C-alpha cells in the first residue's frame, strides 16, 4: 500500500547534484540559531553519510568484478571515475561535518 511513497535517487547519474545539495544545506543550516534548522542539518548529514556508504559499496562491488576479470577498458575507466567521485565527496562530507574550510 505504501510502496507509492518510496523515492529513489540514482547516485551514479544524479549523485553529484544530490551530494552538492546536501553539502550546501548542511553548511548553511548546521550553525543556525533555530533548533529546527539544526535538526534538519543533522538529518541531512545522516542522509549524506548513508548515501556515501551506498556509493562506496557500489564502487567496491564493481572494483571486485574488475579484479575477477569481468571488465572492458570502458568499465575500468568508469569505475576509476566513480572512485574519484567517491573520494571527492567523502572529503567534502568530512569538511562539512567538521567545519573545515571549503575548497571546490
PDB file of N, CA and C in Angstrom:
ATOM      1  N   UNK A   1       0.813  -1.187   0.000  1.00  0.00           N
ATOM      2  CA  UNK A   1       0.000   0.000   0.000  1.00  0.00           C
ATOM      3  C   UNK A   1       0.865   1.263   0.000  1.00  0.00           C
ATOM      4  N   UNK A   2       1.922   1.273   0.786  1.00  0.00           N
ATOM      5  CA  UNK A   2       2.751   2.471   0.875  1.00  0.00           C
ATOM      6  C   UNK A   2       3.926   2.464  -0.103  1.00  0.00           C
ATOM      7  N   UNK A   3       3.967   1.479  -0.987  1.00  0.00           N
ATOM      8  CA  UNK A   3       5.038   1.418  -1.979  1.00  0.00           C
ATOM      9  C   UNK A   3       5.079   2.677  -2.836  1.00  0.00           C
ATOM     10  N   UNK A   4       3.938   3.306  -3.041  1.00  0.00           N
ATOM     11  CA  UNK A   4       3.877   4.519  -3.851  1.00  0.00           C
ATOM     12  C   UNK A   4       4.572   5.691  -3.175  1.00  0.00           C
ATOM     13  N   UNK A   5       4.920   5.552  -1.911  1.00  0.00           N
ATOM     14  CA  UNK A   5       5.530   6.635  -1.149  1.00  0.00           C
ATOM     15  C   UNK A   5       7.064   6.583  -1.173  1.00  0.00           C
ATOM     16  N   UNK A   6       7.640   5.592  -1.834  1.00  0.00           N
ATOM     17  CA  UNK A   6       9.094   5.471  -1.893  1.00  0.00           C
ATOM     18  C   UNK A   6       9.658   6.396  -2.964  1.00  0.00           C
ATOM     19  N   UNK A   7      10.857   6.875  -2.699  1.00  0.00           N
ATOM     20  CA  UNK A   7      11.552   7.767  -3.615  1.00  0.00           C
ATOM     21  C   UNK A   7      13.000   7.300  -3.705  1.00  0.00           C
ATOM     22  N   UNK A   8      13.534   7.237  -4.903  1.00  0.00           N
ATOM     23  CA  UNK A   8      14.879   6.729  -5.114  1.00  0.00           C
ATOM     24  C   UNK A   8      15.718   7.746  -5.877  1.00  0.00           C
ATOM     25  N   UNK A   9      16.974   7.844  -5.505  1.00  0.00           N
ATOM     26  CA  UNK A   9      17.921   8.688  -6.224  1.00  0.00           C
ATOM     27  C   UNK A   9      19.018   7.787  -6.766  1.00  0.00           C
ATOM     28  N   UNK A  10      19.284   7.882  -8.058  1.00  0.00           N
ATOM     29  CA  UNK A  10      20.353   7.128  -8.684  1.00  0.00           C
ATOM     30  C   UNK A  10      21.660   7.882  -8.445  1.00  0.00           C
ATOM     31  N   UNK A  11      22.513   7.353  -7.584  1.00  0.00           N
ATOM     32  CA  UNK A  11      23.747   8.042  -7.225  1.00  0.00           C
ATOM     33  C   UNK A  11      24.756   8.063  -8.365  1.00  0.00           C
ATOM     34  N   UNK A  12      24.612   7.157  -9.318  1.00  0.00           N
ATOM     35  CA  UNK A  12      25.513   7.167 -10.470  1.00  0.00           C
ATOM     36  C   UNK A  12      25.199   8.343 -11.389  1.00  0.00           C
ATOM     37  N   UNK A  13      23.929   8.566 -11.659  1.00  0.00           N
ATOM     38  CA  UNK A  13      23.555   9.628 -12.599  1.00  0.00           C
ATOM     39  C   UNK A  13      23.282  10.966 -11.929  1.00  0.00           C
ATOM     40  N   UNK A  14      22.831  10.956 -10.673  1.00  0.00           N
ATOM     41  CA  UNK A  14      22.445  12.199 -10.013  1.00  0.00           C
ATOM     42  C   UNK A  14      23.176  12.442  -8.695  1.00  0.00           C
ATOM     43  N   UNK A  15      24.184  11.645  -8.425  1.00  0.00           N
ATOM     44  CA  UNK A  15      24.896  11.755  -7.158  1.00  0.00           C
ATOM     45  C   UNK A  15      25.552  13.100  -6.926  1.00  0.00           C
ATOM     46  N   UNK A  16      26.178  13.656  -7.964  1.00  0.00           N
ATOM     47  CA  UNK A  16      26.853  14.946  -7.784  1.00  0.00           C
ATOM     48  C   UNK A  16      25.881  16.028  -7.338  1.00  0.00           C
ATOM     49  N   UNK A  17      24.727  16.097  -7.975  1.00  0.00           N
ATOM     50  CA  UNK A  17      23.729  17.103  -7.588  1.00  0.00           C
ATOM     51  C   UNK A  17      23.194  16.847  -6.184  1.00  0.00           C
ATOM     52  N   UNK A  18      22.943  15.592  -5.875  1.00  0.00           N
ATOM     53  CA  UNK A  18      22.416  15.229  -4.564  1.00  0.00           C
ATOM     54  C   UNK A  18      23.414  15.566  -3.458  1.00  0.00           C
ATOM     55  N   UNK A  19      24.665  15.151  -3.636  1.00  0.00           N
ATOM     56  CA  UNK A  19      25.684  15.429  -2.624  1.00  0.00           C
ATOM     57  C   UNK A  19      25.926  16.931  -2.475  1.00  0.00           C
ATOM     58  N   UNK A  20      25.937  17.650  -3.586  1.00  0.00           N
ATOM     59  CA  UNK A  20      26.153  19.095  -3.519  1.00  0.00           C
ATOM     60  C   UNK A  20      25.006  19.789  -2.793  1.00  0.00           C
ATOM     61  N   UNK A  21      23.803  19.349  -3.050  1.00  0.00           N
ATOM     62  CA  UNK A  21      22.631  19.905  -2.364  1.00  0.00           C
ATOM     63  C   UNK A  21      22.729  19.672  -0.856  1.00  0.00           C
ATOM     64  N   UNK A  22      23.067  18.463  -0.459  1.00  0.00           N
ATOM     65  CA  UNK A  22      23.206  18.153   0.965  1.00  0.00           C
ATOM     66  C   UNK A  22      24.337  18.952   1.602  1.00  0.00           C
ATOM     67  N   UNK A  23      25.477  19.015   0.920  1.00  0.00           N
ATOM     68  CA  UNK A  23      26.624  19.763   1.447  1.00  0.00           C
ATOM     69  C   UNK A  23      26.247  21.219   1.692  1.00  0.00           C
ATOM     70  N   UNK A  24      25.605  21.823   0.726  1.00  0.00           N
ATOM     71  CA  UNK A  24      25.220  23.230   0.843  1.00  0.00           C
ATOM     72  C   UNK A  24      24.218  23.428   1.969  1.00  0.00           C
ATOM     73  N   UNK A  25      23.236  22.559   2.045  1.00  0.00           N
ATOM     74  CA  UNK A  25      22.223  22.680   3.088  1.00  0.00           C
ATOM     75  C   UNK A  25      22.843  22.537   4.478  1.00  0.00           C
ATOM     76  N   UNK A  26      23.704  21.547   4.639  1.00  0.00           N
ATOM     77  CA  UNK A  26      24.350  21.329   5.940  1.00  0.00           C
ATOM     78  C   UNK A  26      25.184  22.548   6.319  1.00  0.00           C
ATOM     79  N   UNK A  27      25.993  22.997   5.394  1.00  0.00           N
ATOM     80  CA  UNK A  27      26.869  24.145   5.656  1.00  0.00           C
ATOM     81  C   UNK A  27      26.064  25.373   6.068  1.00  0.00           C
ATOM     82  N   UNK A  28      24.957  25.606   5.380  1.00  0.00           N
ATOM     83  CA  UNK A  28      24.162  26.809   5.632  1.00  0.00           C
ATOM     84  C   UNK A  28      23.250  26.702   6.848  1.00  0.00           C
ATOM     85  N   UNK A  29      22.980  25.494   7.331  1.00  0.00           N
ATOM     86  CA  UNK A  29      21.981  25.324   8.387  1.00  0.00           C
ATOM     87  C   UNK A  29      22.513  24.807   9.714  1.00  0.00           C
ATOM     88  N   UNK A  30      23.670  24.173   9.726  1.00  0.00           N
ATOM     89  CA  UNK A  30      24.096  23.473  10.943  1.00  0.00           C
ATOM     90  C   UNK A  30      24.373  24.401  12.121  1.00  0.00           C
ATOM     91  N   UNK A  31      24.733  25.646  11.873  1.00  0.00           N
ATOM     92  CA  UNK A  31      25.007  26.581  12.964  1.00  0.00           C
ATOM     93  C   UNK A  31      23.900  27.617  13.131  1.00  0.00           C
ATOM     94  N   UNK A  32      22.740  27.291  12.636  1.00  0.00           N
ATOM     95  CA  UNK A  32      21.605  28.207  12.728  1.00  0.00           C
ATOM     96  C   UNK A  32      21.201  28.430  14.187  1.00  0.00           C
ATOM     97  N   UNK A  33      20.618  29.564  14.416  1.00  0.00           N
ATOM     98  CA  UNK A  33      20.090  29.836  15.757  1.00  0.00           C
ATOM     99  C   UNK A  33      18.784  29.089  16.003  1.00  0.00           C
ATOM    100  N   UNK A  34      18.194  28.572  14.943  1.00  0.00           N
ATOM    101  CA  UNK A  34      16.895  27.908  15.056  1.00  0.00           C
ATOM    102  C   UNK A  34      17.071  26.401  15.215  1.00  0.00           C
ATOM    103  N   UNK A  35      16.526  25.824  16.291  1.00  0.00           N
ATOM    104  CA  UNK A  35      16.685  24.378  16.535  1.00  0.00           C
ATOM    105  C   UNK A  35      16.163  23.504  15.390  1.00  0.00           C
ATOM    106  N   UNK A  36      15.053  23.890  14.775  1.00  0.00           N
ATOM    107  CA  UNK A  36      14.509  23.051  13.701  1.00  0.00           C
ATOM    108  C   UNK A  36      15.452  23.030  12.493  1.00  0.00           C
ATOM    109  N   UNK A  37      16.193  24.098  12.243  1.00  0.00           N
ATOM    110  CA  UNK A  37      17.158  24.101  11.144  1.00  0.00           C
ATOM    111  C   UNK A  37      18.372  23.236  11.475  1.00  0.00           C
ATOM    112  N   UNK A  38      18.823  23.268  12.710  1.00  0.00           N
ATOM    113  CA  UNK A  38      19.937  22.402  13.123  1.00  0.00           C
ATOM    114  C   UNK A  38      19.520  20.930  13.056  1.00  0.00           C
ATOM    115  N   UNK A  39      18.269  20.660  13.411  1.00  0.00           N
ATOM    116  CA  UNK A  39      17.746  19.295  13.339  1.00  0.00           C
ATOM    117  C   UNK A  39      17.719  18.813  11.886  1.00  0.00           C
ATOM    118  N   UNK A  40      17.304  19.667  10.977  1.00  0.00           N
ATOM    119  CA  UNK A  40      17.290  19.310   9.552  1.00  0.00           C
ATOM    120  C   UNK A  40      18.709  19.099   9.029  1.00  0.00           C
ATOM    121  N   UNK A  41      19.640  19.931   9.495  1.00  0.00           N
ATOM    122  CA  UNK A  41      21.038  19.767   9.077  1.00  0.00           C
ATOM    123  C   UNK A  41      21.579  18.421   9.557  1.00  0.00           C
ATOM    124  N   UNK A  42      21.231  18.017  10.766  1.00  0.00           N
ATOM    125  CA  UNK A  42      21.665  16.715  11.287  1.00  0.00           C
ATOM    126  C   UNK A  42      21.078  15.581  10.446  1.00  0.00           C
ATOM    127  N   UNK A  43      19.825  15.731  10.038  1.00  0.00           N
ATOM    128  CA  UNK A  43      19.195  14.732   9.171  1.00  0.00           C
ATOM    129  C   UNK A  43      19.912  14.689   7.817  1.00  0.00           C
ATOM    130  N   UNK A  44      20.246  15.847   7.278  1.00  0.00           N
ATOM    131  CA  UNK A  44      20.959  15.908   6.003  1.00  0.00           C
ATOM    132  C   UNK A  44      22.339  15.258   6.122  1.00  0.00           C
ATOM    133  N   UNK A  45      23.011  15.452   7.256  1.00  0.00           N
ATOM    134  CA  UNK A  45      24.304  14.793   7.482  1.00  0.00           C
ATOM    135  C   UNK A  45      24.143  13.280   7.431  1.00  0.00           C
ATOM    136  N   UNK A  46      23.090  12.768   8.059  1.00  0.00           N
ATOM    137  CA  UNK A  46      22.859  11.323   8.058  1.00  0.00           C
ATOM    138  C   UNK A  46      22.542  10.821   6.647  1.00  0.00           C
ATOM    139  N   UNK A  47      21.745  11.576   5.895  1.00  0.00           N
ATOM    140  CA  UNK A  47      21.468  11.204   4.503  1.00  0.00           C
ATOM    141  C   UNK A  47      22.761  11.155   3.691  1.00  0.00           C
ATOM    142  N   UNK A  48      23.588  12.167   3.866  1.00  0.00           N
ATOM    143  CA  UNK A  48      24.864  12.256   3.151  1.00  0.00           C
ATOM    144  C   UNK A  48      25.714  11.032   3.491  1.00  0.00           C
ATOM    145  N   UNK A  49      25.828  10.730   4.781  1.00  0.00           N
ATOM    146  CA  UNK A  49      26.628   9.590   5.239  1.00  0.00           C
ATOM    147  C   UNK A  49      26.102   8.274   4.659  1.00  0.00           C
ATOM    148  N   UNK A  50      24.794   8.077   4.709  1.00  0.00           N
ATOM    149  CA  UNK A  50      24.196   6.847   4.184  1.00  0.00           C
ATOM    150  C   UNK A  50      24.381   6.733   2.674  1.00  0.00           C
ATOM    151  N   UNK A  51      24.214   7.841   1.965  1.00  0.00           N
ATOM    152  CA  UNK A  51      24.391   7.826   0.513  1.00  0.00           C
ATOM    153  C   UNK A  51      25.845   7.534   0.152  1.00  0.00           C
ATOM    154  N   UNK A  52      26.777   8.110   0.904  1.00  0.00           N
ATOM    155  CA  UNK A  52      28.198   7.823   0.657  1.00  0.00           C
ATOM    156  C   UNK A  52      28.505   6.343   0.867  1.00  0.00           C
ATOM    157  N   UNK A  53      27.936   5.751   1.898  1.00  0.00           N
ATOM    158  CA  UNK A  53      28.161   4.326   2.165  1.00  0.00           C
ATOM    159  C   UNK A  53      27.603   3.478   1.020  1.00  0.00           C
ATOM    160  N   UNK A  54      26.432   3.832   0.545  1.00  0.00           N
ATOM    161  CA  UNK A  54      25.836   3.125  -0.588  1.00  0.00           C
ATOM    162  C   UNK A  54      26.715   3.249  -1.823  1.00  0.00           C
ATOM    163  N   UNK A  55      27.197   4.463  -2.084  1.00  0.00           N
ATOM    164  CA  UNK A  55      28.063   4.707  -3.238  1.00  0.00           C
ATOM    165  C   UNK A  55      29.359   3.902  -3.106  1.00  0.00           C
ATOM    166  N   UNK A  56      29.946   3.927  -1.912  1.00  0.00           N
ATOM    167  CA  UNK A  56      31.182   3.182  -1.681  1.00  0.00           C
ATOM    168  C   UNK A  56      30.970   1.688  -1.909  1.00  0.00           C
ATOM    169  N   UNK A  57      29.874   1.147  -1.407  1.00  0.00           N
ATOM    170  CA  UNK A  57      29.586  -0.276  -1.604  1.00  0.00           C
ATOM    171  C   UNK A  57      29.458  -0.609  -3.085  1.00  0.00           C
ATOM    172  N   UNK A  58      28.831   0.274  -3.849  1.00  0.00           N
ATOM    173  CA  UNK A  58      28.713   0.071  -5.292  1.00  0.00           C
ATOM    174  C   UNK A  58      30.071   0.072  -5.975  1.00  0.00           C
ATOM    175  N   UNK A  59      30.918   1.017  -5.600  1.00  0.00           N
ATOM    176  CA  UNK A  59      32.260   1.098  -6.182  1.00  0.00           C
ATOM    177  C   UNK A  59      33.067  -0.147  -5.819  1.00  0.00           C
ATOM    178  N   UNK A  60      33.017  -0.553  -4.565  1.00  0.00           N
ATOM    179  CA  UNK A  60      33.761  -1.745  -4.134  1.00  0.00           C
ATOM    180  C   UNK A  60      33.301  -2.991  -4.886  1.00  0.00           C
ATOM    181  N   UNK A  61      32.004  -3.111  -5.092  1.00  0.00           N
ATOM    182  CA  UNK A  61      31.461  -4.249  -5.827  1.00  0.00           C
ATOM    183  C   UNK A  61      31.978  -4.265  -7.267  1.00  0.00           C
ATOM    184  N   UNK A  62      31.979  -3.100  -7.897  1.00  0.00           N
ATOM    185  CA  UNK A  62      32.474  -3.013  -9.274  1.00  0.00           C
ATOM    186  C   UNK A  62      33.982  -3.251  -9.343  1.00  0.00           C
ATOM    187  N   UNK A  63      34.723  -2.727  -8.381  1.00  0.00           N
ATOM    188  CA  UNK A  63      36.172  -2.969  -8.349  1.00  0.00           C
ATOM    189  C   UNK A  63      36.464  -4.455  -8.175  1.00  0.00           C
ATOM    190  N   UNK A  64      35.666  -5.132  -7.385  1.00  0.00           N
ATOM    191  CA  UNK A  64      35.828  -6.570  -7.182  1.00  0.00           C
ATOM    192  C   UNK A  64      35.587  -7.334  -8.484  1.00  0.00           C
ATOM    193  N   UNK A  65      34.562  -6.933  -9.213  1.00  0.00           N
ATOM    194  CA  UNK A  65      34.282  -7.594 -10.501  1.00  0.00           C
ATOM    195  C   UNK A  65      35.440  -7.398 -11.474  1.00  0.00           C
ATOM    196  N   UNK A  66      36.016  -6.204 -11.467  1.00  0.00           N
ATOM    197  CA  UNK A  66      37.145  -5.931 -12.357  1.00  0.00           C
ATOM    198  C   UNK A  66      38.332  -6.818 -11.982  1.00  0.00           C
ATOM    199  N   UNK A  67      38.586  -6.983 -10.685  1.00  0.00           N
ATOM    200  CA  UNK A  67      39.692  -7.837 -10.241  1.00  0.00           C
ATOM    201  C   UNK A  67      39.481  -9.287 -10.656  1.00  0.00           C
ATOM    202  N   UNK A  68      38.221  -9.678 -10.814  1.00  0.00           N
ATOM    203  CA  UNK A  68      37.909 -11.043 -11.226  1.00  0.00           C
ATOM    204  C   UNK A  68      37.942 -11.200 -12.742  1.00  0.00           C
ATOM    205  N   UNK A  69      38.191 -10.106 -13.458  1.00  0.00           N
ATOM    206  CA  UNK A  69      38.319 -10.193 -14.909  1.00  0.00           C
ATOM    207  C   UNK A  69      37.077  -9.825 -15.687  1.00  0.00           C
ATOM    208  N   UNK A  70      36.025  -9.373 -15.036  1.00  0.00           N
ATOM    209  CA  UNK A  70      34.791  -9.007 -15.723  1.00  0.00           C
ATOM    210  C   UNK A  70      34.813  -7.512 -16.040  1.00  0.00           C
ATOM    211  N   UNK A  71      35.485  -7.151 -17.154  1.00  0.00           N
ATOM    212  CA  UNK A  71      35.569  -5.736 -17.463  1.00  0.00           C
ATOM    213  C   UNK A  71      36.024  -5.497 -18.895  1.00  0.00           C
ATOM    214  N   UNK A  72      35.765  -4.292 -19.350  1.00  0.00           N
ATOM    215  CA  UNK A  72      36.339  -3.775 -20.586  1.00  0.00           C
ATOM    216  C   UNK A  72      37.151  -2.550 -20.184  1.00  0.00           C
ATOM    217  N   UNK A  73      37.868  -1.981 -21.119  1.00  0.00           N
ATOM    218  CA  UNK A  73      38.609  -0.749 -20.813  1.00  0.00           C
ATOM    219  C   UNK A  73      37.650   0.365 -20.401  1.00  0.00           C
ATOM    220  N   UNK A  74      36.495   0.403 -21.036  1.00  0.00           N
ATOM    221  CA  UNK A  74      35.491   1.417 -20.684  1.00  0.00           C
ATOM    222  C   UNK A  74      34.998   1.203 -19.250  1.00  0.00           C
ATOM    223  N   UNK A  75      34.805  -0.046 -18.857  1.00  0.00           N
ATOM    224  CA  UNK A  75      34.402  -0.354 -17.477  1.00  0.00           C
ATOM    225  C   UNK A  75      35.451   0.133 -16.487  1.00  0.00           C
ATOM    226  N   UNK A  76      36.716  -0.122 -16.802  1.00  0.00           N
ATOM    227  CA  UNK A  76      37.800   0.296 -15.912  1.00  0.00           C
ATOM    228  C   UNK A  76      37.811   1.813 -15.734  1.00  0.00           C
ATOM    229  N   UNK A  77      37.634   2.526 -16.835  1.00  0.00           N
ATOM    230  CA  UNK A  77      37.611   3.992 -16.767  1.00  0.00           C
ATOM    231  C   UNK A  77      36.428   4.483 -15.948  1.00  0.00           C
ATOM    232  N   UNK A  78      35.266   3.859 -16.140  1.00  0.00           N
ATOM    233  CA  UNK A  78      34.066   4.261 -15.414  1.00  0.00           C
ATOM    234  C   UNK A  78      34.253   4.048 -13.908  1.00  0.00           C
ATOM    235  N   UNK A  79      34.782   2.905 -13.536  1.00  0.00           N
ATOM    236  CA  UNK A  79      34.972   2.601 -12.116  1.00  0.00           C
ATOM    237  C   UNK A  79      36.042   3.510 -11.516  1.00  0.00           C
ATOM    238  N   UNK A  80      37.081   3.808 -12.269  1.00  0.00           N
ATOM    239  CA  UNK A  80      38.112   4.739 -11.789  1.00  0.00           C
ATOM    240  C   UNK A  80      37.490   6.107 -11.528  1.00  0.00           C
ATOM    241  N   UNK A  81      36.652   6.561 -12.438  1.00  0.00           N
ATOM    242  CA  UNK A  81      35.985   7.857 -12.272  1.00  0.00           C
ATOM    243  C   UNK A  81      35.036   7.816 -11.074  1.00  0.00           C
ATOM    244  N   UNK A  82      34.340   6.714 -10.893  1.00  0.00           N
ATOM    245  CA  UNK A  82      33.445   6.581  -9.743  1.00  0.00           C
ATOM    246  C   UNK A  82      34.235   6.631  -8.437  1.00  0.00           C
ATOM    247  N   UNK A  83      35.393   5.985  -8.399  1.00  0.00           N
ATOM    248  CA  UNK A  83      36.244   6.006  -7.205  1.00  0.00           C
ATOM    249  C   UNK A  83      36.704   7.440  -6.919  1.00  0.00           C
ATOM    250  N   UNK A  84      37.082   8.166  -7.962  1.00  0.00           N
ATOM    251  CA  UNK A  84      37.497   9.564  -7.789  1.00  0.00           C
ATOM    252  C   UNK A  84      36.354  10.412  -7.232  1.00  0.00           C
ATOM    253  N   UNK A  85      35.154  10.197  -7.763  1.00  0.00           N
ATOM    254  CA  UNK A  85      33.992  10.949  -7.267  1.00  0.00           C
ATOM    255  C   UNK A  85      33.697  10.596  -5.813  1.00  0.00           C
ATOM    256  N   UNK A  86      33.782   9.322  -5.489  1.00  0.00           N
ATOM    257  CA  UNK A  86      33.552   8.921  -4.101  1.00  0.00           C
ATOM    258  C   UNK A  86      34.563   9.608  -3.181  1.00  0.00           C
ATOM    259  N   UNK A  87      35.834   9.559  -3.550  1.00  0.00           N
ATOM    260  CA  UNK A  87      36.875  10.178  -2.724  1.00  0.00           C
ATOM    261  C   UNK A  87      36.629  11.682  -2.562  1.00  0.00           C
ATOM    262  N   UNK A  88      36.211  12.334  -3.637  1.00  0.00           N
ATOM    263  CA  UNK A  88      35.918  13.771  -3.591  1.00  0.00           C
ATOM    264  C   UNK A  88      34.780  14.056  -2.615  1.00  0.00           C
ATOM    265  N   UNK A  89      33.671  13.317  -2.750  1.00  0.00           N
ATOM    266  CA  UNK A  89      32.507  13.580  -1.893  1.00  0.00           C
ATOM    267  C   UNK A  89      32.752  13.154  -0.454  1.00  0.00           C
ATOM    268  N   UNK A  90      33.570  12.154  -0.230  1.00  0.00           N
ATOM    269  CA  UNK A  90      33.946  11.769   1.134  1.00  0.00           C
ATOM    270  C   UNK A  90      34.721  12.910   1.787  1.00  0.00           C
ATOM    271  N   UNK A  91      35.626  13.508   1.028  1.00  0.00           N
ATOM    272  CA  UNK A  91      36.390  14.649   1.541  1.00  0.00           C
ATOM    273  C   UNK A  91      35.445  15.812   1.866  1.00  0.00           C
ATOM    274  N   UNK A  92      34.496  16.086   0.980  1.00  0.00           N
ATOM    275  CA  UNK A  92      33.552  17.189   1.205  1.00  0.00           C
ATOM    276  C   UNK A  92      32.673  16.908   2.422  1.00  0.00           C
ATOM    277  N   UNK A  93      32.274  15.659   2.597  1.00  0.00           N
ATOM    278  CA  UNK A  93      31.489  15.286   3.771  1.00  0.00           C
ATOM    279  C   UNK A  93      32.296  15.557   5.041  1.00  0.00           C
ATOM    280  N   UNK A  94      33.534  15.095   5.052  1.00  0.00           N
ATOM    281  CA  UNK A  94      34.390  15.310   6.226  1.00  0.00           C
ATOM    282  C   UNK A  94      34.569  16.796   6.515  1.00  0.00           C
ATOM    283  N   UNK A  95      34.733  17.583   5.471  1.00  0.00           N
ATOM    284  CA  UNK A  95      34.887  19.030   5.656  1.00  0.00           C
ATOM    285  C   UNK A  95      33.635  19.648   6.265  1.00  0.00           C
ATOM    286  N   UNK A  96      32.486  19.303   5.734  1.00  0.00           N
ATOM    287  CA  UNK A  96      31.251  19.961   6.179  1.00  0.00           C
ATOM    288  C   UNK A  96      30.856  19.531   7.587  1.00  0.00           C
ATOM    289  N   UNK A  97      31.081  18.289   7.949  1.00  0.00           N
ATOM    290  CA  UNK A  97      30.693  17.866   9.298  1.00  0.00           C
ATOM    291  C   UNK A  97      31.714  18.290  10.344  1.00  0.00           C
ATOM    292  N   UNK A  98      32.934  18.572   9.905  1.00  0.00           N
ATOM    293  CA  UNK A  98      33.975  19.002  10.839  1.00  0.00           C
ATOM    294  C   UNK A  98      34.258  20.494  10.747  1.00  0.00           C
ATOM    295  N   UNK A  99      33.407  21.243  10.052  1.00  0.00           N
ATOM    296  CA  UNK A  99      33.534  22.701   9.911  1.00  0.00           C
ATOM    297  C   UNK A  99      34.894  23.135   9.389  1.00  0.00           C
ATOM    298  N   UNK A 100      35.418  22.408   8.424  1.00  0.00           N
ATOM    299  CA  UNK A 100      36.690  22.799   7.822  1.00  0.00           C
ATOM    300  C   UNK A 100      36.430  23.782   6.692  1.00  0.00           C
ATOM    301  N   UNK A 101      37.481  24.458   6.246  1.00  0.00           N
ATOM    302  CA  UNK A 101      37.371  25.382   5.121  1.00  0.00           C
ATOM    303  C   UNK A 101      37.017  24.594   3.866  1.00  0.00           C
ATOM    304  N   UNK A 102      36.250  25.230   3.007  1.00  0.00           N
ATOM    305  CA  UNK A 102      35.801  24.589   1.776  1.00  0.00           C
ATOM    306  C   UNK A 102      36.725  24.911   0.626  1.00  0.00           C
ATOM    307  N   UNK A 103      36.923  23.900  -0.202  1.00  0.00           N
ATOM    308  CA  UNK A 103      37.612  24.101  -1.467  1.00  0.00           C
ATOM    309  C   UNK A 103      36.774  23.424  -2.531  1.00  0.00           C
ATOM    310  N   UNK A 104      36.831  23.911  -3.719  1.00  0.00           N
ATOM    311  CA  UNK A 104      35.999  23.362  -4.797  1.00  0.00           C
ATOM    312  C   UNK A 104      36.565  22.124  -5.390  1.00  0.00           C
TER     313      UNK A 104
END
